[in-house]
């Protein structure tokens, strides 16, 4: 399956606070918060949701097409992505803005406070999927990930106009979108990705209930952290899958993106849903054990061992032929 991933491409500035954010919040004073956290370290990493997902697909042996907007500072990052199997030919380079920046501090309980500077991402709405695909052929799936809101709406509309199946991943941008925009981004998606909080926010924004959302999409996939994954499909009910245990949780940044990579890769291999979830969860845990969303390495034997331990040898055997072909 040839997948195009549209969305943010950014540099992540990741800091660690050794205490708990909640200990610094005082009841009755939350309407005028002014806090500064002395952090222990700073990691500068490559990131952005679309780039993270494309990276994961690339290391799993696919050749995803990355579609987004960056600044002239993208050169070294582009080389990195190409080296990991990502097609970057359709990335727009801005002449006036820097590549987006994600600035995030994580506390000892894995809670996060973050800011995002959009930079060149503001030009993503100028990217015309119809023109790109006219030159290069249509992909089998377009994933519409967090991006400039106008770009997300435009690219979803173009998928419908071009008859290309799409997956909806509004996640962090749900807070910026109004109800009509969220409904347009979600309605008709083959897959809808959220986490637990985003699932509740999506229903609040759209006015749709827990039964109406699945009626609007093919399959609704909600990641629940250490509790695993919940899958809801209209007519087939809800399925729950456990997470893959981590040896040591290091950094949650990009864990959901790694899940999407594994899930979509397995779907591209025509694997059944339970196998796609298993690979997604194994990828998510692999990412959780590294600092930065693109710093993990994929070992076929390690992935298969994790999957076999969490879901059984029969699930691992389904994925083994494709994973064993990886270098």
C-alpha atoms as a PDB file:
ATOM      1  CA  UNK A   1       0.000   0.000   0.000  1.00  0.00           C
ATOM      2  CA  UNK A   2       1.405   3.375  -1.043  1.00  0.00           C
ATOM      3  CA  UNK A   3       0.679   5.881   1.711  1.00  0.00           C
ATOM      4  CA  UNK A   4       0.939   9.667   1.629  1.00  0.00           C
ATOM      5  CA  UNK A   5       1.316  11.299   5.044  1.00  0.00           C
ATOM      6  CA  UNK A   6       0.292  14.958   5.253  1.00  0.00           C
ATOM      7  CA  UNK A   7       0.937  17.025   8.347  1.00  0.00           C
ATOM      8  CA  UNK A   8       3.524  18.725  10.494  1.00  0.00           C
ATOM      9  CA  UNK A   9       7.287  18.487  10.071  1.00  0.00           C
ATOM     10  CA  UNK A  10       9.121  20.014  13.013  1.00  0.00           C
ATOM     11  CA  UNK A  11      12.143  20.089  15.271  1.00  0.00           C
ATOM     12  CA  UNK A  12      11.462  18.967  18.846  1.00  0.00           C
ATOM     13  CA  UNK A  13      13.102  20.641  21.845  1.00  0.00           C
ATOM     14  CA  UNK A  14      12.519  18.171  24.691  1.00  0.00           C
ATOM     15  CA  UNK A  15      13.255  18.950  28.351  1.00  0.00           C
ATOM     16  CA  UNK A  16      12.784  16.920  31.542  1.00  0.00           C
ATOM     17  CA  UNK A  17      11.530  18.341  34.848  1.00  0.00           C
ATOM     18  CA  UNK A  18      12.446  16.067  37.801  1.00  0.00           C
ATOM     19  CA  UNK A  19       9.378  16.965  39.867  1.00  0.00           C
ATOM     20  CA  UNK A  20       5.631  16.949  39.263  1.00  0.00           C
ATOM     21  CA  UNK A  21       3.832  19.816  37.552  1.00  0.00           C
ATOM     22  CA  UNK A  22       0.821  19.261  39.818  1.00  0.00           C
ATOM     23  CA  UNK A  23       2.914  20.091  42.907  1.00  0.00           C
ATOM     24  CA  UNK A  24       3.481  23.599  41.555  1.00  0.00           C
ATOM     25  CA  UNK A  25      -0.185  24.398  40.935  1.00  0.00           C
ATOM     26  CA  UNK A  26      -1.949  26.184  43.793  1.00  0.00           C
ATOM     27  CA  UNK A  27      -5.711  26.018  44.250  1.00  0.00           C
ATOM     28  CA  UNK A  28      -7.297  29.431  43.850  1.00  0.00           C
ATOM     29  CA  UNK A  29      -4.351  30.792  41.871  1.00  0.00           C
ATOM     30  CA  UNK A  30      -4.863  29.057  38.536  1.00  0.00           C
ATOM     31  CA  UNK A  31      -6.402  32.088  36.842  1.00  0.00           C
ATOM     32  CA  UNK A  32      -3.017  33.887  36.797  1.00  0.00           C
ATOM     33  CA  UNK A  33      -0.351  31.176  36.545  1.00  0.00           C
ATOM     34  CA  UNK A  34       3.261  32.297  36.159  1.00  0.00           C
ATOM     35  CA  UNK A  35       5.627  29.356  36.435  1.00  0.00           C
ATOM     36  CA  UNK A  36       9.155  28.532  35.374  1.00  0.00           C
ATOM     37  CA  UNK A  37      10.492  24.976  35.615  1.00  0.00           C
ATOM     38  CA  UNK A  38      14.220  24.355  36.070  1.00  0.00           C
ATOM     39  CA  UNK A  39      14.830  21.391  33.791  1.00  0.00           C
ATOM     40  CA  UNK A  40      17.618  18.856  34.014  1.00  0.00           C
ATOM     41  CA  UNK A  41      18.391  18.354  30.346  1.00  0.00           C
ATOM     42  CA  UNK A  42      17.512  19.413  26.810  1.00  0.00           C
ATOM     43  CA  UNK A  43      17.332  17.159  23.778  1.00  0.00           C
ATOM     44  CA  UNK A  44      16.909  18.623  20.293  1.00  0.00           C
ATOM     45  CA  UNK A  45      15.327  16.012  18.048  1.00  0.00           C
ATOM     46  CA  UNK A  46      13.659  15.672  14.688  1.00  0.00           C
ATOM     47  CA  UNK A  47       9.870  15.513  14.912  1.00  0.00           C
ATOM     48  CA  UNK A  48       6.504  16.655  13.625  1.00  0.00           C
ATOM     49  CA  UNK A  49       3.591  14.212  13.476  1.00  0.00           C
ATOM     50  CA  UNK A  50       3.692  13.551   9.735  1.00  0.00           C
ATOM     51  CA  UNK A  51       7.461  13.165   9.703  1.00  0.00           C
ATOM     52  CA  UNK A  52       7.350  10.832  12.732  1.00  0.00           C
ATOM     53  CA  UNK A  53       4.742   8.599  11.111  1.00  0.00           C
ATOM     54  CA  UNK A  54       6.568   8.606   7.779  1.00  0.00           C
ATOM     55  CA  UNK A  55       9.821   7.703   9.575  1.00  0.00           C
ATOM     56  CA  UNK A  56       8.137   4.727  11.252  1.00  0.00           C
ATOM     57  CA  UNK A  57       6.675   3.517   7.983  1.00  0.00           C
ATOM     58  CA  UNK A  58      10.064   3.899   6.338  1.00  0.00           C
ATOM     59  CA  UNK A  59      11.963   1.832   8.905  1.00  0.00           C
ATOM     60  CA  UNK A  60       9.311  -0.874   8.500  1.00  0.00           C
ATOM     61  CA  UNK A  61      10.229  -1.166   4.834  1.00  0.00           C
ATOM     62  CA  UNK A  62       7.539   0.961   3.189  1.00  0.00           C
ATOM     63  CA  UNK A  63       8.227   4.099   1.127  1.00  0.00           C
ATOM     64  CA  UNK A  64       5.781   6.699   2.461  1.00  0.00           C
ATOM     65  CA  UNK A  65       5.272   9.988   0.651  1.00  0.00           C
ATOM     66  CA  UNK A  66       5.718  12.904   3.059  1.00  0.00           C
ATOM     67  CA  UNK A  67       3.632  15.995   2.293  1.00  0.00           C
ATOM     68  CA  UNK A  68       4.151  19.142   4.365  1.00  0.00           C
ATOM     69  CA  UNK A  69       5.841  22.527   4.522  1.00  0.00           C
ATOM     70  CA  UNK A  70       9.304  23.317   5.914  1.00  0.00           C
ATOM     71  CA  UNK A  71      11.882  26.114   5.970  1.00  0.00           C
ATOM     72  CA  UNK A  72      15.234  26.392   4.249  1.00  0.00           C
ATOM     73  CA  UNK A  73      16.777  24.814   7.361  1.00  0.00           C
ATOM     74  CA  UNK A  74      15.313  21.430   6.373  1.00  0.00           C
ATOM     75  CA  UNK A  75      18.376  20.134   4.470  1.00  0.00           C
ATOM     76  CA  UNK A  76      19.969  17.906   7.116  1.00  0.00           C
ATOM     77  CA  UNK A  77      16.585  16.660   8.296  1.00  0.00           C
ATOM     78  CA  UNK A  78      15.618  15.755   4.731  1.00  0.00           C
ATOM     79  CA  UNK A  79      18.759  13.659   4.316  1.00  0.00           C
ATOM     80  CA  UNK A  80      17.892  11.788   7.528  1.00  0.00           C
ATOM     81  CA  UNK A  81      14.360  11.009   6.330  1.00  0.00           C
ATOM     82  CA  UNK A  82      15.560   9.843   2.921  1.00  0.00           C
ATOM     83  CA  UNK A  83      18.075   7.549   4.594  1.00  0.00           C
ATOM     84  CA  UNK A  84      15.161   5.976   6.459  1.00  0.00           C
ATOM     85  CA  UNK A  85      12.990   5.283   3.439  1.00  0.00           C
ATOM     86  CA  UNK A  86      10.855   8.439   3.235  1.00  0.00           C
ATOM     87  CA  UNK A  87       9.982  10.036  -0.110  1.00  0.00           C
ATOM     88  CA  UNK A  88      10.408  13.805   0.459  1.00  0.00           C
ATOM     89  CA  UNK A  89       9.923  15.044  -3.099  1.00  0.00           C
ATOM     90  CA  UNK A  90       6.573  16.639  -2.270  1.00  0.00           C
ATOM     91  CA  UNK A  91       7.700  18.653   0.759  1.00  0.00           C
ATOM     92  CA  UNK A  92       7.216  22.382   0.187  1.00  0.00           C
ATOM     93  CA  UNK A  93      10.151  24.632   1.181  1.00  0.00           C
ATOM     94  CA  UNK A  94       9.243  28.132   2.396  1.00  0.00           C
ATOM     95  CA  UNK A  95      11.439  31.060   1.432  1.00  0.00           C
ATOM     96  CA  UNK A  96      10.514  33.151   4.454  1.00  0.00           C
ATOM     97  CA  UNK A  97       9.794  30.899   7.455  1.00  0.00           C
ATOM     98  CA  UNK A  98      11.727  28.408   9.547  1.00  0.00           C
ATOM     99  CA  UNK A  99      10.656  24.803  10.008  1.00  0.00           C
ATOM    100  CA  UNK A 100       8.117  24.417  12.819  1.00  0.00           C
ATOM    101  CA  UNK A 101       9.309  23.987  16.419  1.00  0.00           C
ATOM    102  CA  UNK A 102       7.798  21.800  19.168  1.00  0.00           C
ATOM    103  CA  UNK A 103       8.944  22.775  22.686  1.00  0.00           C
ATOM    104  CA  UNK A 104       7.971  20.279  25.378  1.00  0.00           C
ATOM    105  CA  UNK A 105       8.760  19.664  29.049  1.00  0.00           C
ATOM    106  CA  UNK A 106       7.952  16.270  30.610  1.00  0.00           C
ATOM    107  CA  UNK A 107       7.680  15.773  34.386  1.00  0.00           C
ATOM    108  CA  UNK A 108       8.452  12.722  36.498  1.00  0.00           C
ATOM    109  CA  UNK A 109       4.906  11.380  35.990  1.00  0.00           C
ATOM    110  CA  UNK A 110       5.143  11.604  32.177  1.00  0.00           C
ATOM    111  CA  UNK A 111       2.852  14.661  32.120  1.00  0.00           C
ATOM    112  CA  UNK A 112       3.763  17.216  29.476  1.00  0.00           C
ATOM    113  CA  UNK A 113       3.503  20.974  28.926  1.00  0.00           C
ATOM    114  CA  UNK A 114       4.263  22.027  25.381  1.00  0.00           C
ATOM    115  CA  UNK A 115       4.211  24.899  22.908  1.00  0.00           C
ATOM    116  CA  UNK A 116       4.246  24.704  19.131  1.00  0.00           C
ATOM    117  CA  UNK A 117       5.534  27.350  16.700  1.00  0.00           C
ATOM    118  CA  UNK A 118       4.009  26.676  13.293  1.00  0.00           C
ATOM    119  CA  UNK A 119       6.581  28.524  11.158  1.00  0.00           C
ATOM    120  CA  UNK A 120       6.587  27.194   7.605  1.00  0.00           C
ATOM    121  CA  UNK A 121       3.688  24.885   8.446  1.00  0.00           C
ATOM    122  CA  UNK A 122       1.442  27.928   7.887  1.00  0.00           C
ATOM    123  CA  UNK A 123       2.075  27.440   4.159  1.00  0.00           C
ATOM    124  CA  UNK A 124       0.918  23.825   4.081  1.00  0.00           C
ATOM    125  CA  UNK A 125      -2.513  24.911   2.859  1.00  0.00           C
ATOM    126  CA  UNK A 126      -0.882  26.009  -0.395  1.00  0.00           C
ATOM    127  CA  UNK A 127       0.019  22.398  -1.225  1.00  0.00           C
ATOM    128  CA  UNK A 128      -2.277  21.043  -3.949  1.00  0.00           C
ATOM    129  CA  UNK A 129      -2.672  17.260  -3.639  1.00  0.00           C
ATOM    130  CA  UNK A 130      -4.375  17.062  -7.024  1.00  0.00           C
ATOM    131  CA  UNK A 131      -1.314  18.499  -8.733  1.00  0.00           C
ATOM    132  CA  UNK A 132       1.093  16.320  -6.777  1.00  0.00           C
ATOM    133  CA  UNK A 133      -0.785  13.127  -7.512  1.00  0.00           C
ATOM    134  CA  UNK A 134      -1.322  14.091 -11.153  1.00  0.00           C
ATOM    135  CA  UNK A 135       2.443  13.968 -11.628  1.00  0.00           C
ATOM    136  CA  UNK A 136       3.172  11.011  -9.385  1.00  0.00           C
ATOM    137  CA  UNK A 137       0.018   8.866  -9.329  1.00  0.00           C
ATOM    138  CA  UNK A 138      -2.515   8.616  -6.555  1.00  0.00           C
ATOM    139  CA  UNK A 139      -1.585   6.805  -3.336  1.00  0.00           C
ATOM    140  CA  UNK A 140      -3.720   4.037  -1.882  1.00  0.00           C
ATOM    141  CA  UNK A 141      -4.276   6.077   1.305  1.00  0.00           C
ATOM    142  CA  UNK A 142      -3.739   9.622   2.519  1.00  0.00           C
ATOM    143  CA  UNK A 143      -3.265  10.149   6.252  1.00  0.00           C
ATOM    144  CA  UNK A 144      -4.364  13.662   7.227  1.00  0.00           C
ATOM    145  CA  UNK A 145      -2.361  14.334  10.390  1.00  0.00           C
ATOM    146  CA  UNK A 146      -2.134  17.517  12.520  1.00  0.00           C
ATOM    147  CA  UNK A 147      -1.114  20.439  10.338  1.00  0.00           C
ATOM    148  CA  UNK A 148      -2.145  23.986   9.599  1.00  0.00           C
ATOM    149  CA  UNK A 149      -5.960  23.757  10.007  1.00  0.00           C
ATOM    150  CA  UNK A 150      -6.630  25.139   6.527  1.00  0.00           C
ATOM    151  CA  UNK A 151      -4.321  22.495   5.073  1.00  0.00           C
ATOM    152  CA  UNK A 152      -6.090  19.698   6.949  1.00  0.00           C
ATOM    153  CA  UNK A 153      -9.486  20.788   5.645  1.00  0.00           C
ATOM    154  CA  UNK A 154      -8.219  21.323   2.096  1.00  0.00           C
ATOM    155  CA  UNK A 155      -6.442  17.988   1.884  1.00  0.00           C
ATOM    156  CA  UNK A 156      -9.436  16.088   3.277  1.00  0.00           C
ATOM    157  CA  UNK A 157     -11.705  17.744   0.707  1.00  0.00           C
ATOM    158  CA  UNK A 158      -9.278  16.893  -2.066  1.00  0.00           C
ATOM    159  CA  UNK A 159      -9.192  13.249  -1.022  1.00  0.00           C
ATOM    160  CA  UNK A 160     -12.974  13.113  -1.362  1.00  0.00           C
ATOM    161  CA  UNK A 161     -12.887  14.913  -4.720  1.00  0.00           C
ATOM    162  CA  UNK A 162     -10.158  12.602  -6.033  1.00  0.00           C
ATOM    163  CA  UNK A 163     -11.784   9.463  -4.629  1.00  0.00           C
ATOM    164  CA  UNK A 164      -8.721   8.586  -2.526  1.00  0.00           C
ATOM    165  CA  UNK A 165      -9.315   6.781   0.793  1.00  0.00           C
ATOM    166  CA  UNK A 166      -8.117   8.813   3.761  1.00  0.00           C
ATOM    167  CA  UNK A 167      -7.424   8.387   7.456  1.00  0.00           C
ATOM    168  CA  UNK A 168      -8.217  11.175   9.942  1.00  0.00           C
ATOM    169  CA  UNK A 169      -5.768  12.022  12.725  1.00  0.00           C
ATOM    170  CA  UNK A 170      -6.776  15.486  14.002  1.00  0.00           C
ATOM    171  CA  UNK A 171      -5.276  14.921  17.492  1.00  0.00           C
ATOM    172  CA  UNK A 172      -3.488  18.060  18.754  1.00  0.00           C
ATOM    173  CA  UNK A 173      -5.366  20.380  16.427  1.00  0.00           C
ATOM    174  CA  UNK A 174      -8.783  19.470  17.845  1.00  0.00           C
ATOM    175  CA  UNK A 175      -8.467  22.363  20.279  1.00  0.00           C
ATOM    176  CA  UNK A 176      -8.055  24.786  17.357  1.00  0.00           C
ATOM    177  CA  UNK A 177     -10.853  23.437  15.158  1.00  0.00           C
ATOM    178  CA  UNK A 178     -14.554  24.231  15.358  1.00  0.00           C
ATOM    179  CA  UNK A 179     -17.302  21.633  15.186  1.00  0.00           C
ATOM    180  CA  UNK A 180     -17.921  21.984  11.464  1.00  0.00           C
ATOM    181  CA  UNK A 181     -14.230  21.570  10.663  1.00  0.00           C
ATOM    182  CA  UNK A 182     -13.884  18.487  12.846  1.00  0.00           C
ATOM    183  CA  UNK A 183     -16.971  16.889  11.297  1.00  0.00           C
ATOM    184  CA  UNK A 184     -15.567  17.532   7.823  1.00  0.00           C
ATOM    185  CA  UNK A 185     -12.185  16.047   8.715  1.00  0.00           C
ATOM    186  CA  UNK A 186     -13.682  12.908  10.208  1.00  0.00           C
ATOM    187  CA  UNK A 187     -16.744  12.078   8.112  1.00  0.00           C
ATOM    188  CA  UNK A 188     -16.025   9.227   5.709  1.00  0.00           C
ATOM    189  CA  UNK A 189     -12.529   8.419   6.970  1.00  0.00           C
ATOM    190  CA  UNK A 190     -11.407   4.824   6.578  1.00  0.00           C
ATOM    191  CA  UNK A 191      -9.659   5.098   9.950  1.00  0.00           C
ATOM    192  CA  UNK A 192      -9.997   7.684  12.711  1.00  0.00           C
ATOM    193  CA  UNK A 193      -7.152   7.936  15.239  1.00  0.00           C
ATOM    194  CA  UNK A 194      -7.482   9.557  18.690  1.00  0.00           C
ATOM    195  CA  UNK A 195      -6.226   9.118  22.211  1.00  0.00           C
ATOM    196  CA  UNK A 196      -8.673   8.977  25.147  1.00  0.00           C
ATOM    197  CA  UNK A 197      -8.751  12.716  25.791  1.00  0.00           C
ATOM    198  CA  UNK A 198      -9.027  13.494  22.088  1.00  0.00           C
ATOM    199  CA  UNK A 199     -11.896  11.021  21.760  1.00  0.00           C
ATOM    200  CA  UNK A 200     -13.882  12.964  24.353  1.00  0.00           C
ATOM    201  CA  UNK A 201     -12.931  16.306  22.804  1.00  0.00           C
ATOM    202  CA  UNK A 202     -13.897  15.093  19.348  1.00  0.00           C
ATOM    203  CA  UNK A 203     -17.368  14.149  20.553  1.00  0.00           C
ATOM    204  CA  UNK A 204     -17.714  17.510  22.304  1.00  0.00           C
ATOM    205  CA  UNK A 205     -16.672  19.388  19.155  1.00  0.00           C
ATOM    206  CA  UNK A 206     -18.809  17.398  16.707  1.00  0.00           C
ATOM    207  CA  UNK A 207     -21.854  16.879  18.917  1.00  0.00           C
ATOM    208  CA  UNK A 208     -21.725  13.201  17.955  1.00  0.00           C
ATOM    209  CA  UNK A 209     -22.159  10.498  20.582  1.00  0.00           C
ATOM    210  CA  UNK A 210     -20.113   7.297  21.018  1.00  0.00           C
ATOM    211  CA  UNK A 211     -22.410   5.449  18.624  1.00  0.00           C
ATOM    212  CA  UNK A 212     -22.610   8.154  15.988  1.00  0.00           C
ATOM    213  CA  UNK A 213     -18.853   8.546  15.529  1.00  0.00           C
ATOM    214  CA  UNK A 214     -18.346   4.904  14.426  1.00  0.00           C
ATOM    215  CA  UNK A 215     -21.273   5.295  12.037  1.00  0.00           C
ATOM    216  CA  UNK A 216     -19.364   8.121  10.315  1.00  0.00           C
ATOM    217  CA  UNK A 217     -16.038   6.310   9.873  1.00  0.00           C
ATOM    218  CA  UNK A 218     -14.780   2.888   8.903  1.00  0.00           C
ATOM    219  CA  UNK A 219     -12.951   2.158  12.148  1.00  0.00           C
ATOM    220  CA  UNK A 220     -12.282   4.344  15.213  1.00  0.00           C
ATOM    221  CA  UNK A 221      -8.959   3.589  16.899  1.00  0.00           C
ATOM    222  CA  UNK A 222      -8.292   5.056  20.356  1.00  0.00           C
ATOM    223  CA  UNK A 223      -4.928   4.635  22.062  1.00  0.00           C
ATOM    224  CA  UNK A 224      -5.185   4.456  25.858  1.00  0.00           C
ATOM    225  CA  UNK A 225      -1.557   4.577  26.976  1.00  0.00           C
ATOM    226  CA  UNK A 226      -0.593   1.707  29.264  1.00  0.00           C
ATOM    227  CA  UNK A 227      -4.182   0.412  29.052  1.00  0.00           C
ATOM    228  CA  UNK A 228      -3.744  -0.472  25.386  1.00  0.00           C
ATOM    229  CA  UNK A 229      -5.996   0.255  22.422  1.00  0.00           C
ATOM    230  CA  UNK A 230      -9.748   0.385  21.855  1.00  0.00           C
ATOM    231  CA  UNK A 231     -11.171  -0.337  18.403  1.00  0.00           C
ATOM    232  CA  UNK A 232     -14.756   0.553  17.520  1.00  0.00           C
ATOM    233  CA  UNK A 233     -16.386  -0.306  14.196  1.00  0.00           C
ATOM    234  CA  UNK A 234     -19.998   0.301  13.276  1.00  0.00           C
ATOM    235  CA  UNK A 235     -21.903  -2.959  13.489  1.00  0.00           C
ATOM    236  CA  UNK A 236     -19.109  -4.994  15.102  1.00  0.00           C
ATOM    237  CA  UNK A 237     -18.906  -3.316  18.503  1.00  0.00           C
ATOM    238  CA  UNK A 238     -15.858  -2.565  20.617  1.00  0.00           C
ATOM    239  CA  UNK A 239     -12.634  -4.558  20.891  1.00  0.00           C
ATOM    240  CA  UNK A 240      -9.948  -3.939  23.515  1.00  0.00           C
ATOM    241  CA  UNK A 241      -6.286  -4.866  23.120  1.00  0.00           C
ATOM    242  CA  UNK A 242      -3.586  -4.707  25.797  1.00  0.00           C
ATOM    243  CA  UNK A 243      -0.452  -2.594  25.436  1.00  0.00           C
ATOM    244  CA  UNK A 244       3.006  -4.065  24.990  1.00  0.00           C
ATOM    245  CA  UNK A 245       4.819  -3.640  28.345  1.00  0.00           C
ATOM    246  CA  UNK A 246       7.839  -1.349  28.344  1.00  0.00           C
ATOM    247  CA  UNK A 247      11.125  -2.283  29.970  1.00  0.00           C
ATOM    248  CA  UNK A 248      11.569   1.390  30.919  1.00  0.00           C
ATOM    249  CA  UNK A 249       9.424   4.359  29.906  1.00  0.00           C
ATOM    250  CA  UNK A 250      11.809   7.093  28.790  1.00  0.00           C
ATOM    251  CA  UNK A 251       9.921   9.635  26.660  1.00  0.00           C
ATOM    252  CA  UNK A 252       6.259   9.572  25.532  1.00  0.00           C
ATOM    253  CA  UNK A 253       6.827  12.055  22.689  1.00  0.00           C
ATOM    254  CA  UNK A 254       5.854  10.450  19.382  1.00  0.00           C
ATOM    255  CA  UNK A 255       4.590   7.197  20.887  1.00  0.00           C
ATOM    256  CA  UNK A 256       1.179   7.610  19.236  1.00  0.00           C
ATOM    257  CA  UNK A 257       2.896   8.362  15.926  1.00  0.00           C
ATOM    258  CA  UNK A 258       4.884   5.138  16.177  1.00  0.00           C
ATOM    259  CA  UNK A 259       1.637   3.240  16.847  1.00  0.00           C
ATOM    260  CA  UNK A 260       0.129   4.689  13.672  1.00  0.00           C
ATOM    261  CA  UNK A 261       3.208   3.642  11.703  1.00  0.00           C
ATOM    262  CA  UNK A 262       2.993   0.048  12.841  1.00  0.00           C
ATOM    263  CA  UNK A 263      -0.761  -0.137  12.414  1.00  0.00           C
ATOM    264  CA  UNK A 264      -0.714   1.321   8.886  1.00  0.00           C
ATOM    265  CA  UNK A 265       2.269  -0.786   7.843  1.00  0.00           C
ATOM    266  CA  UNK A 266       0.461  -3.974   8.850  1.00  0.00           C
ATOM    267  CA  UNK A 267      -2.689  -2.806   7.050  1.00  0.00           C
ATOM    268  CA  UNK A 268      -0.532  -2.209   3.995  1.00  0.00           C
ATOM    269  CA  UNK A 269       0.551  -5.840   4.246  1.00  0.00           C
ATOM    270  CA  UNK A 270      -3.127  -6.885   4.322  1.00  0.00           C
ATOM    271  CA  UNK A 271      -2.876  -8.105   7.902  1.00  0.00           C
ATOM    272  CA  UNK A 272      -6.032  -8.585  10.022  1.00  0.00           C
ATOM    273  CA  UNK A 273      -6.955  -5.886  12.512  1.00  0.00           C
ATOM    274  CA  UNK A 274      -5.601  -7.669  15.590  1.00  0.00           C
ATOM    275  CA  UNK A 275      -2.198  -8.082  13.946  1.00  0.00           C
ATOM    276  CA  UNK A 276      -2.133  -4.421  12.895  1.00  0.00           C
ATOM    277  CA  UNK A 277      -2.873  -3.354  16.479  1.00  0.00           C
ATOM    278  CA  UNK A 278      -0.165  -5.692  17.772  1.00  0.00           C
ATOM    279  CA  UNK A 279       2.498  -4.209  15.504  1.00  0.00           C
ATOM    280  CA  UNK A 280       1.303  -0.701  16.330  1.00  0.00           C
ATOM    281  CA  UNK A 281       1.587  -1.346  20.072  1.00  0.00           C
ATOM    282  CA  UNK A 282       5.024  -2.947  19.697  1.00  0.00           C
ATOM    283  CA  UNK A 283       6.233   0.083  17.739  1.00  0.00           C
ATOM    284  CA  UNK A 284       4.736   2.441  20.321  1.00  0.00           C
ATOM    285  CA  UNK A 285       6.587   0.750  23.177  1.00  0.00           C
ATOM    286  CA  UNK A 286       9.812   0.729  21.183  1.00  0.00           C
ATOM    287  CA  UNK A 287       9.462   4.499  20.723  1.00  0.00           C
ATOM    288  CA  UNK A 288       8.609   4.974  24.418  1.00  0.00           C
ATOM    289  CA  UNK A 289      11.958   3.483  25.398  1.00  0.00           C
ATOM    290  CA  UNK A 290      13.944   6.104  23.447  1.00  0.00           C
ATOM    291  CA  UNK A 291      14.320   9.883  23.793  1.00  0.00           C
ATOM    292  CA  UNK A 292      12.796  11.603  20.783  1.00  0.00           C
ATOM    293  CA  UNK A 293      10.200  10.375  18.299  1.00  0.00           C
ATOM    294  CA  UNK A 294      12.689   9.227  15.646  1.00  0.00           C
ATOM    295  CA  UNK A 295      15.550   7.930  17.778  1.00  0.00           C
ATOM    296  CA  UNK A 296      14.379   4.348  18.126  1.00  0.00           C
ATOM    297  CA  UNK A 297      15.670   1.492  16.022  1.00  0.00           C
ATOM    298  CA  UNK A 298      13.609  -1.386  14.682  1.00  0.00           C
ATOM    299  CA  UNK A 299      14.782  -4.932  15.292  1.00  0.00           C
ATOM    300  CA  UNK A 300      12.517  -7.535  13.615  1.00  0.00           C
ATOM    301  CA  UNK A 301      13.410 -10.190  16.169  1.00  0.00           C
ATOM    302  CA  UNK A 302      12.765  -7.836  19.102  1.00  0.00           C
ATOM    303  CA  UNK A 303       9.411  -6.713  17.677  1.00  0.00           C
ATOM    304  CA  UNK A 304       8.330 -10.298  17.095  1.00  0.00           C
ATOM    305  CA  UNK A 305       9.399 -11.314  20.602  1.00  0.00           C
ATOM    306  CA  UNK A 306       7.359  -8.473  22.120  1.00  0.00           C
ATOM    307  CA  UNK A 307       4.328  -9.332  20.000  1.00  0.00           C
ATOM    308  CA  UNK A 308       4.558 -13.031  20.806  1.00  0.00           C
ATOM    309  CA  UNK A 309       4.773 -12.309  24.551  1.00  0.00           C
ATOM    310  CA  UNK A 310       1.842  -9.862  24.535  1.00  0.00           C
ATOM    311  CA  UNK A 311      -0.499 -11.397  21.949  1.00  0.00           C
ATOM    312  CA  UNK A 312       0.680 -14.940  21.283  1.00  0.00           C
ATOM    313  CA  UNK A 313       2.931 -16.750  18.831  1.00  0.00           C
ATOM    314  CA  UNK A 314       0.155 -17.023  16.249  1.00  0.00           C
ATOM    315  CA  UNK A 315      -0.051 -13.229  15.888  1.00  0.00           C
ATOM    316  CA  UNK A 316       3.719 -12.949  15.630  1.00  0.00           C
ATOM    317  CA  UNK A 317       3.742 -15.610  12.914  1.00  0.00           C
ATOM    318  CA  UNK A 318       1.348 -13.530  10.811  1.00  0.00           C
ATOM    319  CA  UNK A 319       3.729 -10.571  10.868  1.00  0.00           C
ATOM    320  CA  UNK A 320       6.991 -12.504  10.663  1.00  0.00           C
ATOM    321  CA  UNK A 321       7.220 -12.841   6.837  1.00  0.00           C
ATOM    322  CA  UNK A 322       7.137  -9.057   6.360  1.00  0.00           C
ATOM    323  CA  UNK A 323       9.278  -8.170   9.378  1.00  0.00           C
ATOM    324  CA  UNK A 324      11.896 -10.786   8.534  1.00  0.00           C
ATOM    325  CA  UNK A 325      12.500  -9.029   5.209  1.00  0.00           C
ATOM    326  CA  UNK A 326      13.735  -5.901   7.010  1.00  0.00           C
ATOM    327  CA  UNK A 327      17.512  -5.377   7.191  1.00  0.00           C
END
